[in-house]
Amino acid sequence: MDNELESIHILLVEDNPHDVEITKRALEKGQLRNRLTVAVDGQQALDILSDLQRAAELPGLILLDLNLPKLSGIEVLQEVKGDPALRGIPVIVLTTSTREEDVVRAYDLGVNTFITKPVRFEDFINVVTTIREYWIVIATLPAKVRA
């Protein structure tokens, strides 16, 4: 992986410490060495994004759980996609939800991808590897998210 690909900063918005650890392990196993920032609730995610925006260091990818304290993932998604400075950041909903209304609402708000978290760790690694392959290796992202 070249340095440009590794320079894409990932914001993980996940309140479950176990899921955060599994995600980190899956990213390592998937050989993703990108900078990772973790927000444990929806409000913290927006605060982090605001701080990163002021520092001109926006993440290149947001992995967003829907079931969060303070502000839900849907509310975070609505804020991100409603802000002209943030809406270009790809957002991947990574959640345990299988509710059709969650899928429809997320896509209505502009989510780039909706993925239901696999139960088995090996399957989760495959999902993260696929995310890496598509969003970090294959997809062309705006230059402002590759900083």
N, C-alpha and C. Protein backbone atom coordinates (compact mmCIF):
# COMPACT_ATOMS: atom_id res chain seq x y z
N MET A 1 0.86 -1.17 0.00
CA MET A 1 0.00 0.00 0.00
C MET A 1 0.90 1.23 0.00
N ASP A 2 0.58 2.16 -0.87
CA ASP A 2 1.46 3.33 -0.91
C ASP A 2 1.04 4.37 0.12
N ASN A 3 1.90 5.36 0.32
CA ASN A 3 1.67 6.36 1.36
C ASN A 3 0.42 7.18 1.12
N GLU A 4 0.07 7.43 -0.15
CA GLU A 4 -1.15 8.21 -0.42
C GLU A 4 -2.37 7.47 0.10
N LEU A 5 -2.44 6.15 -0.09
CA LEU A 5 -3.57 5.37 0.39
C LEU A 5 -3.60 5.34 1.91
N GLU A 6 -2.43 5.25 2.53
CA GLU A 6 -2.36 5.21 3.98
C GLU A 6 -2.66 6.56 4.60
N SER A 7 -2.65 7.62 3.79
CA SER A 7 -2.89 8.95 4.35
C SER A 7 -4.37 9.25 4.53
N ILE A 8 -5.24 8.38 4.07
CA ILE A 8 -6.68 8.60 4.24
C ILE A 8 -7.06 8.32 5.69
N HIS A 9 -7.54 9.35 6.34
CA HIS A 9 -7.92 9.30 7.75
C HIS A 9 -9.34 8.71 7.85
N ILE A 10 -9.53 7.77 8.76
CA ILE A 10 -10.83 7.13 8.96
C ILE A 10 -11.39 7.56 10.32
N LEU A 11 -12.65 7.98 10.32
CA LEU A 11 -13.37 8.26 11.57
C LEU A 11 -14.33 7.11 11.81
N LEU A 12 -14.13 6.39 12.91
CA LEU A 12 -15.00 5.31 13.33
C LEU A 12 -15.92 5.84 14.41
N VAL A 13 -17.23 5.75 14.18
CA VAL A 13 -18.21 6.23 15.15
C VAL A 13 -18.93 4.99 15.69
N GLU A 14 -18.52 4.57 16.88
CA GLU A 14 -18.98 3.29 17.46
C GLU A 14 -18.94 3.40 18.97
N ASP A 15 -20.06 3.11 19.64
CA ASP A 15 -20.12 3.23 21.09
C ASP A 15 -19.78 1.94 21.83
N ASN A 16 -19.80 0.82 21.16
CA ASN A 16 -19.54 -0.46 21.82
C ASN A 16 -18.04 -0.73 21.82
N PRO A 17 -17.40 -0.75 23.01
CA PRO A 17 -15.94 -0.96 23.06
C PRO A 17 -15.50 -2.27 22.40
N HIS A 18 -16.32 -3.29 22.53
CA HIS A 18 -16.00 -4.58 21.90
C HIS A 18 -15.97 -4.43 20.37
N ASP A 19 -16.97 -3.73 19.83
CA ASP A 19 -17.01 -3.53 18.38
C ASP A 19 -15.88 -2.63 17.90
N VAL A 20 -15.48 -1.65 18.73
CA VAL A 20 -14.34 -0.80 18.37
C VAL A 20 -13.09 -1.67 18.27
N GLU A 21 -12.88 -2.52 19.27
CA GLU A 21 -11.69 -3.38 19.27
C GLU A 21 -11.72 -4.35 18.10
N ILE A 22 -12.88 -4.93 17.82
CA ILE A 22 -12.99 -5.85 16.68
C ILE A 22 -12.71 -5.11 15.38
N THR A 23 -13.23 -3.89 15.26
CA THR A 23 -12.99 -3.11 14.05
C THR A 23 -11.50 -2.81 13.89
N LYS A 24 -10.84 -2.40 14.98
CA LYS A 24 -9.40 -2.15 14.93
C LYS A 24 -8.64 -3.41 14.51
N ARG A 25 -8.99 -4.54 15.10
CA ARG A 25 -8.32 -5.80 14.75
C ARG A 25 -8.57 -6.16 13.30
N ALA A 26 -9.80 -5.95 12.85
CA ALA A 26 -10.12 -6.27 11.45
C ALA A 26 -9.36 -5.36 10.51
N LEU A 27 -9.24 -4.08 10.86
CA LEU A 27 -8.47 -3.15 10.03
C LEU A 27 -7.00 -3.59 9.97
N GLU A 28 -6.46 -4.01 11.10
CA GLU A 28 -5.07 -4.49 11.12
C GLU A 28 -4.92 -5.75 10.28
N LYS A 29 -5.85 -6.70 10.45
CA LYS A 29 -5.80 -7.94 9.67
C LYS A 29 -6.01 -7.67 8.19
N GLY A 30 -6.82 -6.63 7.89
CA GLY A 30 -7.05 -6.25 6.51
C GLY A 30 -5.93 -5.37 5.97
N GLN A 31 -4.90 -5.19 6.77
CA GLN A 31 -3.71 -4.42 6.42
C GLN A 31 -4.03 -2.95 6.13
N LEU A 32 -5.03 -2.43 6.84
CA LEU A 32 -5.32 -1.00 6.76
C LEU A 32 -4.52 -0.32 7.85
N ARG A 33 -3.59 0.50 7.47
CA ARG A 33 -2.74 1.20 8.43
C ARG A 33 -3.07 2.69 8.47
N ASN A 34 -4.24 3.02 8.06
CA ASN A 34 -4.66 4.41 8.03
C ASN A 34 -4.83 4.95 9.44
N ARG A 35 -4.72 6.27 9.56
CA ARG A 35 -5.00 6.93 10.84
C ARG A 35 -6.47 6.68 11.18
N LEU A 36 -6.72 6.28 12.41
CA LEU A 36 -8.07 5.97 12.85
C LEU A 36 -8.40 6.80 14.08
N THR A 37 -9.51 7.54 14.01
CA THR A 37 -10.03 8.28 15.15
C THR A 37 -11.35 7.66 15.52
N VAL A 38 -11.58 7.48 16.82
CA VAL A 38 -12.81 6.84 17.29
C VAL A 38 -13.65 7.85 18.06
N ALA A 39 -14.94 7.93 17.70
CA ALA A 39 -15.93 8.70 18.45
C ALA A 39 -16.89 7.69 19.07
N VAL A 40 -17.22 7.86 20.35
CA VAL A 40 -18.04 6.87 21.04
C VAL A 40 -19.51 7.25 21.13
N ASP A 41 -19.87 8.41 20.61
CA ASP A 41 -21.28 8.78 20.52
C ASP A 41 -21.46 9.77 19.37
N GLY A 42 -22.70 10.03 19.02
CA GLY A 42 -22.98 10.89 17.88
C GLY A 42 -22.51 12.32 18.07
N GLN A 43 -22.68 12.87 19.27
CA GLN A 43 -22.25 14.24 19.51
C GLN A 43 -20.74 14.35 19.43
N GLN A 44 -20.02 13.37 19.98
CA GLN A 44 -18.56 13.40 19.90
C GLN A 44 -18.11 13.33 18.44
N ALA A 45 -18.80 12.57 17.62
CA ALA A 45 -18.45 12.49 16.20
C ALA A 45 -18.54 13.86 15.54
N LEU A 46 -19.63 14.58 15.82
CA LEU A 46 -19.78 15.92 15.24
C LEU A 46 -18.75 16.89 15.80
N ASP A 47 -18.42 16.76 17.09
CA ASP A 47 -17.39 17.62 17.68
C ASP A 47 -16.03 17.36 17.04
N ILE A 48 -15.71 16.09 16.84
CA ILE A 48 -14.44 15.72 16.21
C ILE A 48 -14.39 16.26 14.78
N LEU A 49 -15.48 16.09 14.04
CA LEU A 49 -15.53 16.61 12.67
C LEU A 49 -15.35 18.12 12.64
N SER A 50 -15.95 18.81 13.60
CA SER A 50 -15.81 20.26 13.68
C SER A 50 -14.34 20.64 13.94
N ASP A 51 -13.71 19.93 14.87
CA ASP A 51 -12.29 20.19 15.17
C ASP A 51 -11.42 19.90 13.96
N LEU A 52 -11.68 18.78 13.29
CA LEU A 52 -10.88 18.41 12.12
C LEU A 52 -11.10 19.40 10.97
N GLN A 53 -12.32 19.90 10.86
CA GLN A 53 -12.62 20.88 9.81
C GLN A 53 -11.84 22.18 10.06
N ARG A 54 -11.80 22.63 11.30
CA ARG A 54 -11.04 23.83 11.63
C ARG A 54 -9.55 23.64 11.36
N ALA A 55 -9.06 22.41 11.55
CA ALA A 55 -7.64 22.12 11.33
C ALA A 55 -7.36 21.72 9.88
N ALA A 56 -8.39 21.75 9.03
CA ALA A 56 -8.27 21.35 7.62
C ALA A 56 -7.72 19.93 7.50
N GLU A 57 -8.21 19.02 8.36
CA GLU A 57 -7.77 17.62 8.37
C GLU A 57 -8.96 16.68 8.36
N LEU A 58 -9.92 16.91 7.50
CA LEU A 58 -11.12 16.08 7.47
C LEU A 58 -10.78 14.63 7.17
N PRO A 59 -11.56 13.71 7.75
CA PRO A 59 -11.33 12.30 7.43
C PRO A 59 -11.72 12.01 5.99
N GLY A 60 -11.14 10.97 5.43
CA GLY A 60 -11.47 10.57 4.07
C GLY A 60 -12.58 9.54 4.03
N LEU A 61 -12.94 9.02 5.20
CA LEU A 61 -13.95 7.97 5.27
C LEU A 61 -14.53 7.96 6.67
N ILE A 62 -15.85 7.79 6.77
CA ILE A 62 -16.52 7.67 8.07
C ILE A 62 -17.22 6.32 8.11
N LEU A 63 -16.89 5.53 9.14
CA LEU A 63 -17.58 4.28 9.43
C LEU A 63 -18.52 4.59 10.58
N LEU A 64 -19.82 4.48 10.34
CA LEU A 64 -20.83 5.00 11.26
C LEU A 64 -21.81 3.94 11.72
N ASP A 65 -21.86 3.72 13.03
CA ASP A 65 -22.89 2.87 13.62
C ASP A 65 -24.18 3.71 13.69
N LEU A 66 -25.32 3.06 13.69
CA LEU A 66 -26.57 3.80 13.80
C LEU A 66 -27.04 3.94 15.23
N ASN A 67 -26.79 2.94 16.04
CA ASN A 67 -27.30 2.90 17.40
C ASN A 67 -26.27 3.52 18.35
N LEU A 68 -26.39 4.84 18.52
CA LEU A 68 -25.42 5.60 19.31
C LEU A 68 -26.12 6.40 20.39
N PRO A 69 -25.40 6.67 21.52
CA PRO A 69 -25.96 7.58 22.52
C PRO A 69 -25.84 9.03 22.06
N LYS A 70 -26.56 9.89 22.74
CA LYS A 70 -26.60 11.36 22.52
C LYS A 70 -27.23 11.72 21.20
N LEU A 71 -26.58 11.43 20.08
CA LEU A 71 -27.18 11.62 18.76
C LEU A 71 -27.08 10.29 18.03
N SER A 72 -28.13 9.90 17.36
CA SER A 72 -28.11 8.63 16.62
C SER A 72 -27.23 8.75 15.38
N GLY A 73 -26.88 7.61 14.81
CA GLY A 73 -26.13 7.61 13.57
C GLY A 73 -26.89 8.31 12.45
N ILE A 74 -28.20 8.17 12.43
CA ILE A 74 -29.02 8.86 11.42
C ILE A 74 -28.89 10.37 11.58
N GLU A 75 -28.89 10.86 12.83
CA GLU A 75 -28.74 12.30 13.06
C GLU A 75 -27.35 12.78 12.64
N VAL A 76 -26.33 11.97 12.91
CA VAL A 76 -24.97 12.31 12.50
C VAL A 76 -24.90 12.37 10.98
N LEU A 77 -25.46 11.36 10.33
CA LEU A 77 -25.48 11.30 8.87
C LEU A 77 -26.19 12.52 8.28
N GLN A 78 -27.30 12.89 8.88
CA GLN A 78 -28.05 14.06 8.41
C GLN A 78 -27.21 15.33 8.51
N GLU A 79 -26.47 15.49 9.60
CA GLU A 79 -25.60 16.66 9.78
C GLU A 79 -24.46 16.65 8.78
N VAL A 80 -23.81 15.49 8.61
CA VAL A 80 -22.67 15.39 7.69
C VAL A 80 -23.11 15.68 6.26
N LYS A 81 -24.16 15.05 5.81
CA LYS A 81 -24.59 15.21 4.43
C LYS A 81 -25.29 16.55 4.19
N GLY A 82 -25.68 17.23 5.26
CA GLY A 82 -26.29 18.55 5.12
C GLY A 82 -25.28 19.69 5.16
N ASP A 83 -24.03 19.37 5.45
CA ASP A 83 -22.99 20.39 5.55
C ASP A 83 -22.14 20.36 4.28
N PRO A 84 -22.14 21.45 3.50
CA PRO A 84 -21.38 21.46 2.24
C PRO A 84 -19.90 21.11 2.41
N ALA A 85 -19.31 21.43 3.56
CA ALA A 85 -17.89 21.14 3.78
C ALA A 85 -17.64 19.67 4.11
N LEU A 86 -18.68 18.96 4.54
CA LEU A 86 -18.52 17.56 4.97
C LEU A 86 -19.17 16.56 4.02
N ARG A 87 -20.13 17.00 3.22
CA ARG A 87 -20.95 16.05 2.46
C ARG A 87 -20.17 15.21 1.47
N GLY A 88 -18.98 15.64 1.08
CA GLY A 88 -18.17 14.85 0.15
C GLY A 88 -17.45 13.68 0.79
N ILE A 89 -17.45 13.61 2.12
CA ILE A 89 -16.79 12.50 2.80
C ILE A 89 -17.66 11.25 2.65
N PRO A 90 -17.10 10.17 2.11
CA PRO A 90 -17.88 8.94 2.02
C PRO A 90 -18.24 8.43 3.42
N VAL A 91 -19.50 8.06 3.59
CA VAL A 91 -19.98 7.53 4.87
C VAL A 91 -20.49 6.12 4.63
N ILE A 92 -19.95 5.20 5.41
CA ILE A 92 -20.38 3.81 5.36
C ILE A 92 -21.07 3.51 6.68
N VAL A 93 -22.35 3.19 6.63
CA VAL A 93 -23.05 2.75 7.82
C VAL A 93 -22.64 1.30 8.04
N LEU A 94 -22.13 1.04 9.24
CA LEU A 94 -21.68 -0.29 9.64
C LEU A 94 -22.39 -0.59 10.95
N THR A 95 -23.46 -1.35 10.88
CA THR A 95 -24.37 -1.47 12.01
C THR A 95 -24.93 -2.88 12.14
N THR A 96 -25.51 -3.17 13.28
CA THR A 96 -26.18 -4.46 13.47
C THR A 96 -27.62 -4.41 12.95
N SER A 97 -28.11 -3.23 12.64
CA SER A 97 -29.49 -3.08 12.20
C SER A 97 -29.73 -3.76 10.86
N THR A 98 -30.84 -4.44 10.78
CA THR A 98 -31.29 -5.03 9.51
C THR A 98 -32.66 -4.45 9.13
N ARG A 99 -33.07 -3.40 9.85
CA ARG A 99 -34.39 -2.81 9.62
C ARG A 99 -34.42 -2.09 8.28
N GLU A 100 -35.39 -2.42 7.47
CA GLU A 100 -35.54 -1.81 6.15
C GLU A 100 -35.68 -0.29 6.25
N GLU A 101 -36.39 0.20 7.27
CA GLU A 101 -36.56 1.65 7.41
C GLU A 101 -35.22 2.34 7.69
N ASP A 102 -34.29 1.67 8.38
CA ASP A 102 -32.96 2.24 8.59
C ASP A 102 -32.19 2.32 7.28
N VAL A 103 -32.28 1.27 6.49
CA VAL A 103 -31.60 1.24 5.19
C VAL A 103 -32.13 2.37 4.30
N VAL A 104 -33.45 2.45 4.20
CA VAL A 104 -34.08 3.47 3.34
C VAL A 104 -33.74 4.87 3.82
N ARG A 105 -33.85 5.11 5.12
CA ARG A 105 -33.56 6.45 5.67
C ARG A 105 -32.10 6.85 5.43
N ALA A 106 -31.18 5.89 5.65
CA ALA A 106 -29.76 6.18 5.45
C ALA A 106 -29.48 6.56 4.00
N TYR A 107 -30.03 5.80 3.06
CA TYR A 107 -29.82 6.14 1.65
C TYR A 107 -30.51 7.44 1.26
N ASP A 108 -31.69 7.70 1.84
CA ASP A 108 -32.37 8.97 1.57
C ASP A 108 -31.51 10.16 2.02
N LEU A 109 -30.74 9.96 3.07
CA LEU A 109 -29.89 11.04 3.60
C LEU A 109 -28.53 11.13 2.90
N GLY A 110 -28.24 10.17 2.01
CA GLY A 110 -27.02 10.27 1.24
C GLY A 110 -25.88 9.36 1.65
N VAL A 111 -26.17 8.33 2.47
CA VAL A 111 -25.11 7.40 2.83
C VAL A 111 -24.54 6.77 1.56
N ASN A 112 -23.26 6.47 1.58
CA ASN A 112 -22.63 5.87 0.40
C ASN A 112 -22.80 4.36 0.36
N THR A 113 -22.82 3.73 1.52
CA THR A 113 -22.98 2.29 1.61
C THR A 113 -23.59 1.94 2.96
N PHE A 114 -24.44 0.92 2.97
CA PHE A 114 -25.04 0.43 4.21
C PHE A 114 -24.65 -1.03 4.35
N ILE A 115 -23.93 -1.36 5.43
CA ILE A 115 -23.46 -2.72 5.66
C ILE A 115 -23.93 -3.18 7.03
N THR A 116 -24.56 -4.35 7.08
CA THR A 116 -24.91 -4.96 8.35
C THR A 116 -23.70 -5.74 8.85
N LYS A 117 -23.30 -5.47 10.09
CA LYS A 117 -22.12 -6.11 10.67
C LYS A 117 -22.31 -7.62 10.73
N PRO A 118 -21.34 -8.35 10.20
CA PRO A 118 -21.40 -9.80 10.33
C PRO A 118 -21.14 -10.21 11.79
N VAL A 119 -21.67 -11.34 12.18
CA VAL A 119 -21.50 -11.83 13.54
C VAL A 119 -20.11 -12.45 13.73
N ARG A 120 -19.68 -13.24 12.77
CA ARG A 120 -18.39 -13.93 12.87
C ARG A 120 -17.24 -12.98 12.57
N PHE A 121 -16.16 -13.03 13.38
CA PHE A 121 -15.01 -12.16 13.21
C PHE A 121 -14.40 -12.32 11.82
N GLU A 122 -14.29 -13.54 11.35
CA GLU A 122 -13.69 -13.79 10.04
C GLU A 122 -14.49 -13.10 8.94
N ASP A 123 -15.81 -13.11 9.06
CA ASP A 123 -16.66 -12.43 8.09
C ASP A 123 -16.50 -10.91 8.19
N PHE A 124 -16.32 -10.42 9.42
CA PHE A 124 -16.12 -8.99 9.63
C PHE A 124 -14.81 -8.55 8.99
N ILE A 125 -13.77 -9.37 9.10
CA ILE A 125 -12.50 -9.08 8.45
C ILE A 125 -12.70 -8.97 6.94
N ASN A 126 -13.48 -9.87 6.37
CA ASN A 126 -13.76 -9.83 4.93
C ASN A 126 -14.47 -8.53 4.55
N VAL A 127 -15.40 -8.10 5.38
CA VAL A 127 -16.12 -6.85 5.11
C VAL A 127 -15.14 -5.68 5.12
N VAL A 128 -14.29 -5.62 6.14
CA VAL A 128 -13.33 -4.52 6.25
C VAL A 128 -12.35 -4.55 5.09
N THR A 129 -11.92 -5.73 4.70
CA THR A 129 -11.01 -5.86 3.55
C THR A 129 -11.69 -5.34 2.29
N THR A 130 -12.96 -5.65 2.13
CA THR A 130 -13.71 -5.18 0.97
C THR A 130 -13.85 -3.66 1.01
N ILE A 131 -14.11 -3.11 2.20
CA ILE A 131 -14.18 -1.65 2.36
C ILE A 131 -12.85 -1.05 1.92
N ARG A 132 -11.75 -1.62 2.39
CA ARG A 132 -10.41 -1.14 2.03
C ARG A 132 -10.22 -1.20 0.53
N GLU A 133 -10.53 -2.33 -0.07
CA GLU A 133 -10.31 -2.50 -1.50
C GLU A 133 -11.09 -1.47 -2.31
N TYR A 134 -12.36 -1.29 -1.95
CA TYR A 134 -13.17 -0.38 -2.74
C TYR A 134 -12.90 1.09 -2.42
N TRP A 135 -13.07 1.48 -1.15
CA TRP A 135 -13.06 2.89 -0.78
C TRP A 135 -11.67 3.50 -0.69
N ILE A 136 -10.64 2.67 -0.47
CA ILE A 136 -9.31 3.23 -0.29
C ILE A 136 -8.40 2.91 -1.47
N VAL A 137 -8.60 1.77 -2.12
CA VAL A 137 -7.73 1.41 -3.24
C VAL A 137 -8.37 1.73 -4.59
N ILE A 138 -9.62 1.34 -4.79
CA ILE A 138 -10.26 1.45 -6.11
C ILE A 138 -10.90 2.82 -6.35
N ALA A 139 -11.72 3.28 -5.40
CA ALA A 139 -12.47 4.52 -5.61
C ALA A 139 -11.54 5.72 -5.66
N THR A 140 -11.89 6.67 -6.51
CA THR A 140 -11.18 7.93 -6.55
C THR A 140 -11.92 8.90 -5.64
N LEU A 141 -11.23 9.39 -4.63
CA LEU A 141 -11.83 10.32 -3.67
C LEU A 141 -11.32 11.73 -3.96
N PRO A 142 -12.09 12.74 -3.58
CA PRO A 142 -11.61 14.11 -3.77
C PRO A 142 -10.29 14.32 -3.05
N ALA A 143 -9.44 15.16 -3.60
CA ALA A 143 -8.12 15.41 -3.02
C ALA A 143 -8.21 15.91 -1.60
N LYS A 144 -9.28 16.66 -1.27
CA LYS A 144 -9.37 17.22 0.07
C LYS A 144 -9.55 16.17 1.16
N VAL A 145 -9.93 14.93 0.81
CA VAL A 145 -10.05 13.88 1.83
C VAL A 145 -8.82 12.99 1.86
N ARG A 146 -7.85 13.26 1.01
CA ARG A 146 -6.61 12.48 0.99
C ARG A 146 -5.45 13.32 1.52
N ALA A 147 -5.64 13.93 2.66
CA ALA A 147 -4.58 14.81 3.16
C ALA A 147 -3.94 14.27 4.41
